[in-house]
Structures are given as structure tokens and as C-alpha cells.
Amino acid sequence: MTTSVQRRALRLLADTSRGRTVADMLAHGFTNALLDRLARDGLAAIQPGTIRTGTRRITVIWVVITEAGQRALADKRPVR
């Protein structure tokens, strides 16, 4: 069962097909501990990647929702 904060994070991740950067998630008020828990519970995956800004490539860490995260988000049971 997911908490309301976890559901909020999963909803944000579900809004985009390629995920969001850890920096973006932190800017939305989520903690590294929460992101780690989502990954540990199999609800999200954390993976390195790059983005291009102009002529520069920047290494970032992506967070993407998993199928299990999609199922948890669709689960209508009350949160703790």
C-alpha cells in the first residue's frame, strides 16, 4: 500500500513517458529517501542518463515509474 506522498510522486512520474530527473523531483519537494523507497519497492526505477542543453550534454539521474508503480497508482484502496 502506498502513502499519499508516494502517490503524489507516482502521479508526477506518470505524467511523462520518459520520467523526470532526480533534481526535478527534489524541486517538487520529494526527498532522496522517498525516491530510494519507491525504487526499493519496485514502484519506480532510477537510472543514469544525459540531456542536451544547447551544445552541451549533461549527465542526470532519471526516475521513471514502473508497471508496478502504475498498478499501485490505479489501486483505489485508502492510503496509510
Protein backbone atom coordinates (compact mmCIF):
# COMPACT_ATOMS: atom_id res chain seq x y z
CA MET A 1 0.00 0.00 0.00
CA THR A 2 1.31 3.44 -0.88
CA THR A 3 1.20 6.61 1.16
CA SER A 4 -0.33 9.85 -0.13
CA VAL A 5 3.15 11.33 -0.68
CA GLN A 6 4.18 8.25 -2.67
CA ARG A 7 1.01 8.52 -4.76
CA ARG A 8 1.72 12.19 -5.44
CA ALA A 9 5.23 11.30 -6.63
CA LEU A 10 3.93 8.45 -8.77
CA ARG A 11 1.31 10.75 -10.36
CA LEU A 12 4.05 13.22 -11.25
CA LEU A 13 6.15 10.42 -12.77
CA ALA A 14 3.15 9.03 -14.67
CA ASP A 15 2.60 12.40 -16.37
CA THR A 16 5.63 11.92 -18.61
CA SER A 17 6.69 8.92 -20.67
CA ARG A 18 10.45 9.33 -20.15
CA GLY A 19 10.38 10.11 -16.42
CA ARG A 20 11.79 13.06 -14.54
CA THR A 21 15.21 13.90 -13.23
CA VAL A 22 16.01 13.50 -9.55
CA ALA A 23 16.66 17.25 -9.45
CA ASP A 24 13.14 17.90 -10.77
CA MET A 25 11.62 15.57 -8.18
CA LEU A 26 13.60 17.26 -5.40
CA ALA A 27 12.41 20.65 -6.69
CA HIS A 28 8.83 19.38 -6.29
CA GLY A 29 9.54 18.71 -2.61
CA PHE A 30 10.24 14.98 -2.66
CA THR A 31 13.22 13.63 -0.74
CA ASN A 32 16.00 11.31 -1.83
CA ALA A 33 14.78 8.89 0.83
CA LEU A 34 11.32 8.77 -0.76
CA LEU A 35 12.77 8.23 -4.24
CA ASP A 36 15.00 5.46 -2.89
CA ARG A 37 11.99 3.82 -1.21
CA LEU A 38 9.96 3.94 -4.44
CA ALA A 39 12.85 2.26 -6.24
CA ARG A 40 13.40 -0.31 -3.48
CA ASP A 41 9.68 -1.17 -3.52
CA GLY A 42 9.78 -1.59 -7.30
CA LEU A 43 7.39 1.32 -7.94
CA ALA A 44 10.00 3.41 -9.76
CA ALA A 45 13.35 2.86 -11.42
CA ILE A 46 16.36 5.14 -11.05
CA GLN A 47 18.81 5.21 -13.95
CA PRO A 48 21.62 7.44 -15.22
CA GLY A 49 21.21 9.31 -18.46
CA THR A 50 22.03 12.50 -20.29
CA ILE A 51 20.17 15.53 -21.56
CA ARG A 52 21.24 18.05 -24.14
CA THR A 53 21.10 21.76 -23.43
CA GLY A 54 22.23 23.69 -26.47
CA THR A 55 25.57 22.19 -27.44
CA ARG A 56 26.28 20.64 -24.03
CA ARG A 57 25.39 17.18 -22.76
CA ILE A 58 24.70 16.92 -19.04
CA THR A 59 24.67 13.70 -17.04
CA VAL A 60 21.50 13.35 -14.94
CA ILE A 61 19.74 10.69 -12.91
CA TRP A 62 16.27 9.79 -14.21
CA VAL A 63 13.36 8.45 -12.17
CA VAL A 64 10.70 6.55 -14.13
CA ILE A 65 7.52 4.87 -12.99
CA THR A 66 7.42 1.08 -13.38
CA GLU A 67 4.46 -1.14 -14.26
CA ALA A 68 4.15 -1.94 -10.55
CA GLY A 69 4.05 1.81 -9.86
CA GLN A 70 1.29 2.22 -12.46
CA ARG A 71 -0.70 -0.56 -10.77
CA ALA A 72 -0.18 0.99 -7.32
CA LEU A 73 -1.36 4.33 -8.67
CA ALA A 74 -4.50 2.70 -10.09
CA ASP A 75 -5.20 0.94 -6.77
CA LYS A 76 -8.10 2.76 -5.11
CA ARG A 77 -7.54 1.40 -1.60
CA PRO A 78 -7.13 4.04 1.13
CA VAL A 79 -3.62 5.22 1.89
CA ARG A 80 -1.90 4.99 5.27
